[in-house]
Structure formats: structure tokens, C-alpha cells
Amino acid sequence: MTQTSRLTPETGFMEHIEASTGIRISACFQCKKCTNGCPVTFAMDVYPDQVIRLIHMGMRDQVLSCGTIWVCAACETCTTRCPNDIDIAGVMDYLKERAVASGVSIPQQRTKLFHEAFLNDVRRRGRLSEGRMLQSYMLKSGELWRKIKDGEIGEEISLGVNMFRKGRMSLIPKGVRSKSEIRAILK
């Protein structure tokens, strides 16, 4: 006889998300257009339509511990394709915040570090500076030391130089006038 764990739905989970975000998840009728259009489903453990279904069912722990919310590229293809105008990418962002706030073990720690480096750079300047953000990520994730050890750092440097030559990356990060407004949005 095998031992199975019990699934315990959290009643009101969907309603809490809807109240917190203003996104009507309850309007989803599982057409799967979000999943069919998603460019990163190959890397997901649970598809976007399944995440929404798990929310409907009140499966908070399963949703917050899945890797999908961290793999989501926030490209908004799912949101654009949704016939009921559900901001699925916005739901994924909210779920990331809830996972961190709840102390859930993140399955892909490097993805979380990249997400944090990205948001911290935008918070600091009001817009992204790829070079600075990448430095921060590579230091915090340990990727810099791994690439040095494996000899891959030369490829990264070559790529950066080529991007600079073609005007795709600047050495001096640009900012915006209304940094305080950007910071308020990110709160």
C-alpha cells in the first residue's frame, strides 16, 4: 500500500488574488489559448492554463511551488490571446511575489536571482541597463565564477564588445526623470 498526501484546497484563494490584483481569474473557461501561444511551455512543469485551473481549485501550495511562475517570460502573449481579457502574465507576477512573501522554496533559484536583478536595476534607474543588471546577476548567482572556471567568460566578453560596437549596449546607463514614479509602481 502506498502512502499518498492529501490535497487541501484553500478556499478563497482565487477570490484573494482577484481582490489583490483586480484580475478576474474566474472568467477563465479553460480554452487553453494562453498555453498554446506561450513560447516557453517547453520549460514549464505546469502549463499556464493549468496554473489558472489550480487557482480555481484553491491549490495554493501547488501553484506557489511550481516552476512555471518563475519560467514565465512575462511576454504577455497569453494575456493578448485570452478571449476573456485575463491578464495571465500579471497573475504570474503576483504569484511570484506571493511565493517569495510566503517563504516558499523556489525551484529555480537562478531564475529568481535574475528576476530580482532585473527589478532592482529598474528600481535604481527607472529603466533597465543590461550591462549592470547582468553583472549583478552573474555575481549573485555564481555564474561569473563558473564561467571563469569553465573558460566561457571569453564568449561573454566578446558578445558584450560586439553589442557595444553595434550600438546595442551602452557603457553609461541612461535613466529617466520620474524614478520615484517607477519605484511606486514596483511597490
C-alpha atoms as a PDB file:
ATOM      1  CA  MET A   1       0.000   0.000   0.000  1.00  0.00           C
ATOM      2  CA  THR A   2       1.442   3.372  -0.998  1.00  0.00           C
ATOM      3  CA  GLN A   3       1.095   6.460   1.102  1.00  0.00           C
ATOM      4  CA  THR A   4      -0.383   9.481  -0.648  1.00  0.00           C
ATOM      5  CA  SER A   5      -0.503  13.055   0.515  1.00  0.00           C
ATOM      6  CA  ARG A   6      -3.844  14.770   0.877  1.00  0.00           C
ATOM      7  CA  LEU A   7      -4.669  17.746  -1.255  1.00  0.00           C
ATOM      8  CA  THR A   8      -6.060  20.550   0.838  1.00  0.00           C
ATOM      9  CA  PRO A   9      -7.597  23.362  -1.167  1.00  0.00           C
ATOM     10  CA  GLU A  10      -7.522  26.837   0.266  1.00  0.00           C
ATOM     11  CA  THR A  11     -10.993  28.258  -0.060  1.00  0.00           C
ATOM     12  CA  GLY A  12     -10.947  31.877  -1.119  1.00  0.00           C
ATOM     13  CA  PHE A  13      -7.521  31.670  -2.799  1.00  0.00           C
ATOM     14  CA  MET A  14      -8.857  32.780  -6.189  1.00  0.00           C
ATOM     15  CA  GLU A  15     -11.009  35.494  -4.614  1.00  0.00           C
ATOM     16  CA  HIS A  16      -7.984  36.796  -2.700  1.00  0.00           C
ATOM     17  CA  ILE A  17      -5.928  37.029  -5.900  1.00  0.00           C
ATOM     18  CA  GLU A  18      -8.793  38.751  -7.718  1.00  0.00           C
ATOM     19  CA  ALA A  19      -9.225  41.270  -4.892  1.00  0.00           C
ATOM     20  CA  SER A  20      -5.482  41.942  -4.685  1.00  0.00           C
ATOM     21  CA  THR A  21      -4.850  42.300  -8.413  1.00  0.00           C
ATOM     22  CA  GLY A  22      -8.170  43.319  -9.930  1.00  0.00           C
ATOM     23  CA  ILE A  23      -7.724  40.486 -12.440  1.00  0.00           C
ATOM     24  CA  ARG A  24     -10.850  38.348 -12.990  1.00  0.00           C
ATOM     25  CA  ILE A  25      -9.359  34.856 -12.981  1.00  0.00           C
ATOM     26  CA  SER A  26     -12.855  33.414 -12.531  1.00  0.00           C
ATOM     27  CA  ALA A  27     -13.635  34.433 -16.140  1.00  0.00           C
ATOM     28  CA  CYS A  28     -11.324  31.691 -17.465  1.00  0.00           C
ATOM     29  CA  PHE A  29     -13.173  28.882 -19.243  1.00  0.00           C
ATOM     30  CA  GLN A  30     -10.048  26.832 -19.967  1.00  0.00           C
ATOM     31  CA  CYS A  31      -9.797  27.383 -23.728  1.00  0.00           C
ATOM     32  CA  LYS A  32      -6.002  26.865 -23.471  1.00  0.00           C
ATOM     33  CA  LYS A  33      -5.161  29.718 -25.858  1.00  0.00           C
ATOM     34  CA  CYS A  34      -2.689  31.002 -23.249  1.00  0.00           C
ATOM     35  CA  THR A  35      -0.776  27.719 -23.229  1.00  0.00           C
ATOM     36  CA  ASN A  36      -0.950  27.230 -26.988  1.00  0.00           C
ATOM     37  CA  GLY A  37       0.611  30.638 -27.603  1.00  0.00           C
ATOM     38  CA  CYS A  38       3.232  30.558 -24.845  1.00  0.00           C
ATOM     39  CA  PRO A  39       6.800  30.445 -26.210  1.00  0.00           C
ATOM     40  CA  VAL A  40       8.290  28.869 -23.061  1.00  0.00           C
ATOM     41  CA  THR A  41       5.951  25.946 -22.321  1.00  0.00           C
ATOM     42  CA  PHE A  42       8.813  23.577 -23.179  1.00  0.00           C
ATOM     43  CA  ALA A  43      10.461  24.615 -19.891  1.00  0.00           C
ATOM     44  CA  MET A  44       7.334  24.605 -17.701  1.00  0.00           C
ATOM     45  CA  ASP A  45       6.295  21.941 -15.230  1.00  0.00           C
ATOM     46  CA  VAL A  46       2.658  23.135 -15.250  1.00  0.00           C
ATOM     47  CA  TYR A  47       1.135  24.905 -18.251  1.00  0.00           C
ATOM     48  CA  PRO A  48      -0.390  28.409 -17.873  1.00  0.00           C
ATOM     49  CA  ASP A  49      -3.973  27.140 -18.260  1.00  0.00           C
ATOM     50  CA  GLN A  50      -3.250  24.553 -15.569  1.00  0.00           C
ATOM     51  CA  VAL A  51      -1.930  27.255 -13.212  1.00  0.00           C
ATOM     52  CA  ILE A  52      -5.204  29.126 -13.638  1.00  0.00           C
ATOM     53  CA  ARG A  53      -7.164  25.897 -13.078  1.00  0.00           C
ATOM     54  CA  LEU A  54      -5.184  25.148  -9.910  1.00  0.00           C
ATOM     55  CA  ILE A  55      -6.046  28.654  -8.684  1.00  0.00           C
ATOM     56  CA  HIS A  56      -9.733  27.935  -9.397  1.00  0.00           C
ATOM     57  CA  MET A  57      -9.420  24.781  -7.315  1.00  0.00           C
ATOM     58  CA  GLY A  58      -7.746  26.617  -4.418  1.00  0.00           C
ATOM     59  CA  MET A  59      -4.472  24.687  -4.734  1.00  0.00           C
ATOM     60  CA  ARG A  60      -2.319  27.461  -3.289  1.00  0.00           C
ATOM     61  CA  ASP A  61       0.708  25.346  -2.324  1.00  0.00           C
ATOM     62  CA  GLN A  62       0.921  23.631  -5.718  1.00  0.00           C
ATOM     63  CA  VAL A  63       0.669  26.958  -7.551  1.00  0.00           C
ATOM     64  CA  LEU A  64       3.225  28.809  -5.423  1.00  0.00           C
ATOM     65  CA  SER A  65       5.746  25.961  -5.551  1.00  0.00           C
ATOM     66  CA  CYS A  66       5.557  25.277  -9.298  1.00  0.00           C
ATOM     67  CA  GLY A  67       8.428  26.295 -11.537  1.00  0.00           C
ATOM     68  CA  THR A  68       6.130  27.776 -14.178  1.00  0.00           C
ATOM     69  CA  ILE A  69       5.644  31.089 -12.403  1.00  0.00           C
ATOM     70  CA  TRP A  70       9.425  31.594 -12.477  1.00  0.00           C
ATOM     71  CA  VAL A  71       9.879  30.379 -16.055  1.00  0.00           C
ATOM     72  CA  CYS A  72       7.214  32.786 -17.361  1.00  0.00           C
ATOM     73  CA  ALA A  73       8.926  35.323 -19.614  1.00  0.00           C
ATOM     74  CA  ALA A  74       6.204  37.953 -18.996  1.00  0.00           C
ATOM     75  CA  CYS A  75       5.980  38.440 -22.765  1.00  0.00           C
ATOM     76  CA  GLU A  76       2.204  38.814 -22.382  1.00  0.00           C
ATOM     77  CA  THR A  77       1.388  36.533 -25.305  1.00  0.00           C
ATOM     78  CA  CYS A  78      -1.009  34.650 -23.015  1.00  0.00           C
ATOM     79  CA  THR A  79      -2.686  37.884 -21.955  1.00  0.00           C
ATOM     80  CA  THR A  80      -3.047  39.035 -25.561  1.00  0.00           C
ATOM     81  CA  ARG A  81      -4.534  35.725 -26.701  1.00  0.00           C
ATOM     82  CA  CYS A  82      -7.042  35.416 -23.840  1.00  0.00           C
ATOM     83  CA  PRO A  83     -10.607  35.836 -25.195  1.00  0.00           C
ATOM     84  CA  ASN A  84     -11.770  36.959 -21.739  1.00  0.00           C
ATOM     85  CA  ASP A  85      -9.058  39.613 -21.281  1.00  0.00           C
ATOM     86  CA  ILE A  86      -7.467  37.900 -18.275  1.00  0.00           C
ATOM     87  CA  ASP A  87      -4.018  39.336 -17.539  1.00  0.00           C
ATOM     88  CA  ILE A  88      -2.352  35.955 -17.102  1.00  0.00           C
ATOM     89  CA  ALA A  89       1.152  37.455 -17.136  1.00  0.00           C
ATOM     90  CA  GLY A  90       0.020  39.769 -14.322  1.00  0.00           C
ATOM     91  CA  VAL A  91      -1.233  36.754 -12.367  1.00  0.00           C
ATOM     92  CA  MET A  92       2.170  35.061 -12.804  1.00  0.00           C
ATOM     93  CA  ASP A  93       3.929  38.179 -11.468  1.00  0.00           C
ATOM     94  CA  TYR A  94       1.587  38.279  -8.494  1.00  0.00           C
ATOM     95  CA  LEU A  95       2.208  34.599  -7.785  1.00  0.00           C
ATOM     96  CA  LYS A  96       5.981  35.193  -7.764  1.00  0.00           C
ATOM     97  CA  GLU A  97       5.530  37.925  -5.176  1.00  0.00           C
ATOM     98  CA  ARG A  98       3.281  35.674  -3.051  1.00  0.00           C
ATOM     99  CA  ALA A  99       5.763  32.789  -3.268  1.00  0.00           C
ATOM    100  CA  VAL A 100       8.594  34.982  -2.014  1.00  0.00           C
ATOM    101  CA  ALA A 101       6.440  36.568   0.712  1.00  0.00           C
ATOM    102  CA  SER A 102       5.241  33.113   1.833  1.00  0.00           C
ATOM    103  CA  GLY A 103       8.771  31.758   2.076  1.00  0.00           C
ATOM    104  CA  VAL A 104       8.095  29.040  -0.490  1.00  0.00           C
ATOM    105  CA  SER A 105      11.187  27.196  -1.685  1.00  0.00           C
ATOM    106  CA  ILE A 106      11.819  28.418  -5.215  1.00  0.00           C
ATOM    107  CA  PRO A 107      12.548  25.525  -7.596  1.00  0.00           C
ATOM    108  CA  GLN A 108      14.755  27.591  -9.908  1.00  0.00           C
ATOM    109  CA  GLN A 109      16.834  29.822  -7.674  1.00  0.00           C
ATOM    110  CA  ARG A 110      18.841  31.316 -10.549  1.00  0.00           C
ATOM    111  CA  THR A 111      15.627  32.429 -12.252  1.00  0.00           C
ATOM    112  CA  LYS A 112      14.578  34.188  -9.051  1.00  0.00           C
ATOM    113  CA  LEU A 113      18.006  35.884  -8.821  1.00  0.00           C
ATOM    114  CA  PHE A 114      17.681  37.070 -12.433  1.00  0.00           C
ATOM    115  CA  HIS A 115      14.182  38.406 -11.701  1.00  0.00           C
ATOM    116  CA  GLU A 116      15.488  40.272  -8.634  1.00  0.00           C
ATOM    117  CA  ALA A 117      18.489  41.703 -10.513  1.00  0.00           C
ATOM    118  CA  PHE A 118      16.178  42.920 -13.281  1.00  0.00           C
ATOM    119  CA  LEU A 119      13.712  44.603 -10.912  1.00  0.00           C
ATOM    120  CA  ASN A 120      16.457  46.106  -8.740  1.00  0.00           C
ATOM    121  CA  ASP A 121      18.097  47.667 -11.784  1.00  0.00           C
ATOM    122  CA  VAL A 122      14.796  49.138 -12.992  1.00  0.00           C
ATOM    123  CA  ARG A 123      14.075  50.372  -9.458  1.00  0.00           C
ATOM    124  CA  ARG A 124      17.517  52.028  -9.275  1.00  0.00           C
ATOM    125  CA  ARG A 125      17.474  53.825 -12.665  1.00  0.00           C
ATOM    126  CA  GLY A 126      13.867  53.776 -13.796  1.00  0.00           C
ATOM    127  CA  ARG A 127      14.822  51.622 -16.761  1.00  0.00           C
ATOM    128  CA  LEU A 128      16.989  48.605 -17.485  1.00  0.00           C
ATOM    129  CA  SER A 129      20.717  48.786 -18.076  1.00  0.00           C
ATOM    130  CA  GLU A 130      21.547  45.344 -19.428  1.00  0.00           C
ATOM    131  CA  GLY A 131      25.246  45.503 -18.608  1.00  0.00           C
ATOM    132  CA  ARG A 132      24.734  46.500 -14.972  1.00  0.00           C
ATOM    133  CA  MET A 133      21.874  44.075 -14.461  1.00  0.00           C
ATOM    134  CA  LEU A 134      23.874  41.199 -15.921  1.00  0.00           C
ATOM    135  CA  GLN A 135      26.858  41.999 -13.684  1.00  0.00           C
ATOM    136  CA  SER A 136      24.638  41.917 -10.633  1.00  0.00           C
ATOM    137  CA  TYR A 137      23.002  38.649 -11.666  1.00  0.00           C
ATOM    138  CA  MET A 138      26.262  36.911 -12.532  1.00  0.00           C
ATOM    139  CA  LEU A 139      27.823  37.885  -9.188  1.00  0.00           C
ATOM    140  CA  LYS A 140      24.822  36.870  -7.073  1.00  0.00           C
ATOM    141  CA  SER A 141      24.160  33.611  -8.916  1.00  0.00           C
ATOM    142  CA  GLY A 142      27.773  32.476  -9.046  1.00  0.00           C
ATOM    143  CA  GLU A 143      27.628  32.307 -12.842  1.00  0.00           C
ATOM    144  CA  LEU A 144      30.619  34.660 -13.155  1.00  0.00           C
ATOM    145  CA  TRP A 145      32.906  32.330 -11.224  1.00  0.00           C
ATOM    146  CA  ARG A 146      31.582  29.291 -13.085  1.00  0.00           C
ATOM    147  CA  LYS A 147      32.180  30.950 -16.466  1.00  0.00           C
ATOM    148  CA  ILE A 148      35.700  31.973 -15.448  1.00  0.00           C
ATOM    149  CA  LYS A 149      36.454  28.448 -14.262  1.00  0.00           C
ATOM    150  CA  ASP A 150      34.995  26.825 -17.414  1.00  0.00           C
ATOM    151  CA  GLY A 151      36.646  29.351 -19.745  1.00  0.00           C
ATOM    152  CA  GLU A 152      33.291  30.598 -21.040  1.00  0.00           C
ATOM    153  CA  ILE A 153      33.875  34.177 -19.888  1.00  0.00           C
ATOM    154  CA  GLY A 154      35.662  34.989 -23.157  1.00  0.00           C
ATOM    155  CA  GLU A 155      32.450  34.339 -25.097  1.00  0.00           C
ATOM    156  CA  GLU A 156      30.518  36.664 -22.774  1.00  0.00           C
ATOM    157  CA  ILE A 157      33.095  39.431 -23.150  1.00  0.00           C
ATOM    158  CA  SER A 158      33.137  39.014 -26.934  1.00  0.00           C
ATOM    159  CA  LEU A 159      29.347  39.219 -27.057  1.00  0.00           C
ATOM    160  CA  GLY A 160      29.371  42.385 -24.921  1.00  0.00           C
ATOM    161  CA  VAL A 161      32.004  44.046 -27.099  1.00  0.00           C
ATOM    162  CA  ASN A 162      30.083  43.203 -30.281  1.00  0.00           C
ATOM    163  CA  MET A 163      26.860  44.545 -28.796  1.00  0.00           C
ATOM    164  CA  PHE A 164      28.650  47.775 -27.819  1.00  0.00           C
ATOM    165  CA  ARG A 165      30.173  48.160 -31.309  1.00  0.00           C
ATOM    166  CA  LYS A 166      26.758  47.777 -32.929  1.00  0.00           C
ATOM    167  CA  GLY A 167      25.164  50.300 -30.589  1.00  0.00           C
ATOM    168  CA  ARG A 168      23.032  47.669 -28.827  1.00  0.00           C
ATOM    169  CA  MET A 169      24.531  48.323 -25.383  1.00  0.00           C
ATOM    170  CA  SER A 170      25.914  51.479 -23.820  1.00  0.00           C
ATOM    171  CA  LEU A 171      28.612  51.774 -21.192  1.00  0.00           C
ATOM    172  CA  ILE A 172      26.861  54.613 -19.381  1.00  0.00           C
ATOM    173  CA  PRO A 173      23.378  53.631 -18.224  1.00  0.00           C
ATOM    174  CA  LYS A 174      20.576  56.008 -19.091  1.00  0.00           C
ATOM    175  CA  GLY A 175      17.978  56.962 -16.528  1.00  0.00           C
ATOM    176  CA  VAL A 176      14.557  58.544 -16.568  1.00  0.00           C
ATOM    177  CA  ARG A 177      13.211  61.693 -14.955  1.00  0.00           C
ATOM    178  CA  SER A 178      10.458  60.101 -12.894  1.00  0.00           C
ATOM    179  CA  LYS A 179      12.345  57.423 -10.956  1.00  0.00           C
ATOM    180  CA  SER A 180      10.077  57.910  -7.956  1.00  0.00           C
ATOM    181  CA  GLU A 181       7.040  57.029 -10.080  1.00  0.00           C
ATOM    182  CA  ILE A 182       8.723  53.840 -11.310  1.00  0.00           C
ATOM    183  CA  ARG A 183       9.612  52.890  -7.727  1.00  0.00           C
ATOM    184  CA  ALA A 184       5.984  53.462  -6.686  1.00  0.00           C
ATOM    185  CA  ILE A 185       4.787  51.174  -9.482  1.00  0.00           C
ATOM    186  CA  LEU A 186       7.196  48.452  -8.386  1.00  0.00           C
ATOM    187  CA  LYS A 187       5.992  48.552  -4.783  1.00  0.00           C
END
